[in-house]
Amino acid sequence: MSGNIWAEFEKLIAPAPLLIGTVAAIRADGLVSITLPDGSTITARGSGTVGNAVYVQDGVIQGNAPTMPIDVVTLY
C-alpha cells in the first residue's frame, strides 16, 4: 500500500461513464450544451461544432464521436 491514502481510495471508485451526445449550442461563457440520446441536456467544457456528435466524460468533451444511429433501451 502506498503512503497516499487518498490515491488508494480513488482506486475503489468507478470512473465517470463515457457519454455520447450531440452539440446543441456553444454558450457565451465558453461551455458547450450537449443533448444526450434520451433528450436530456448537459453542459461540458471543451470545444465542438453544433450538430456534431461528441464523447463526454465527467463534464469534459473527450473528442468527436462517429455519427451513427442510436437506439435507447429502457430496462425496468
Protein backbone atom coordinates (compact mmCIF):
# COMPACT_ATOMS: atom_id res chain seq x y z
CA MET A 1 0.00 0.00 0.00
CA SER A 2 1.31 3.44 -0.91
CA GLY A 3 1.62 6.28 1.55
CA ASN A 4 -1.17 8.27 -0.14
CA ILE A 5 -4.43 7.04 1.34
CA TRP A 6 -6.50 9.28 -0.98
CA ALA A 7 -4.96 7.66 -4.08
CA GLU A 8 -5.83 4.24 -2.64
CA PHE A 9 -9.42 5.38 -2.04
CA GLU A 10 -9.78 6.73 -5.60
CA LYS A 11 -8.89 3.29 -6.97
CA LEU A 12 -12.08 1.96 -5.35
CA ILE A 13 -14.38 4.47 -7.06
CA ALA A 14 -15.75 3.67 -10.52
CA PRO A 15 -14.77 6.18 -13.22
CA ALA A 16 -17.40 8.51 -14.66
CA PRO A 17 -19.29 6.98 -17.59
CA LEU A 18 -18.35 7.91 -21.15
CA LEU A 19 -21.42 9.52 -22.74
CA ILE A 20 -22.21 10.37 -26.33
CA GLY A 21 -24.29 13.36 -27.35
CA THR A 22 -24.89 15.99 -29.99
CA VAL A 23 -23.59 19.55 -29.60
CA ALA A 24 -26.69 21.74 -29.34
CA ALA A 25 -25.11 25.13 -28.69
CA ILE A 26 -21.88 26.87 -27.79
CA ARG A 27 -22.61 29.23 -24.94
CA ALA A 28 -21.15 32.70 -24.43
CA ASP A 29 -19.35 31.57 -21.26
CA GLY A 30 -17.34 29.01 -23.25
CA LEU A 31 -19.30 25.93 -22.15
CA VAL A 32 -20.97 23.64 -24.66
CA SER A 33 -24.59 22.44 -24.37
CA ILE A 34 -24.94 18.79 -25.36
CA THR A 35 -28.14 16.85 -25.99
CA LEU A 36 -27.97 13.20 -24.95
CA PRO A 37 -29.87 10.43 -26.79
CA ASP A 38 -32.58 10.36 -24.09
CA GLY A 39 -33.33 14.06 -24.75
CA SER A 40 -31.70 15.46 -21.62
CA THR A 41 -29.18 18.30 -21.89
CA ILE A 42 -25.83 18.65 -20.13
CA THR A 43 -23.06 21.24 -20.27
CA ALA A 44 -19.39 20.45 -20.70
CA ARG A 45 -16.04 22.13 -21.09
CA GLY A 46 -14.25 21.81 -24.39
CA SER A 47 -14.96 22.56 -28.00
CA GLY A 48 -17.22 21.17 -30.64
CA THR A 49 -19.29 22.09 -33.66
CA VAL A 50 -23.06 22.45 -33.44
CA GLY A 51 -24.70 19.32 -34.80
CA ASN A 52 -21.67 17.06 -34.36
CA ALA A 53 -21.58 14.06 -32.04
CA VAL A 54 -19.05 14.13 -29.19
CA TYR A 55 -17.86 11.92 -26.35
CA VAL A 56 -18.27 13.47 -22.89
CA GLN A 57 -16.83 12.20 -19.61
CA ASP A 58 -17.05 13.90 -16.24
CA GLY A 59 -18.13 17.23 -17.75
CA VAL A 60 -15.33 17.40 -20.34
CA ILE A 61 -15.60 16.79 -24.08
CA GLN A 62 -13.17 13.96 -24.88
CA GLY A 63 -13.40 14.21 -28.66
CA ASN A 64 -15.58 13.73 -31.70
CA ALA A 65 -17.80 10.66 -31.91
CA PRO A 66 -18.97 8.91 -35.06
CA THR A 67 -22.40 9.86 -36.34
CA MET A 68 -24.37 6.64 -36.13
CA PRO A 69 -27.96 5.69 -35.41
CA ILE A 70 -28.61 5.33 -31.68
CA ASP A 71 -31.28 3.19 -30.06
CA VAL A 72 -32.26 3.96 -26.49
CA VAL A 73 -33.49 0.98 -24.46
CA THR A 74 -35.01 1.43 -21.01
CA LEU A 75 -34.87 -1.55 -18.68
CA TYR A 76 -37.26 -1.82 -15.77
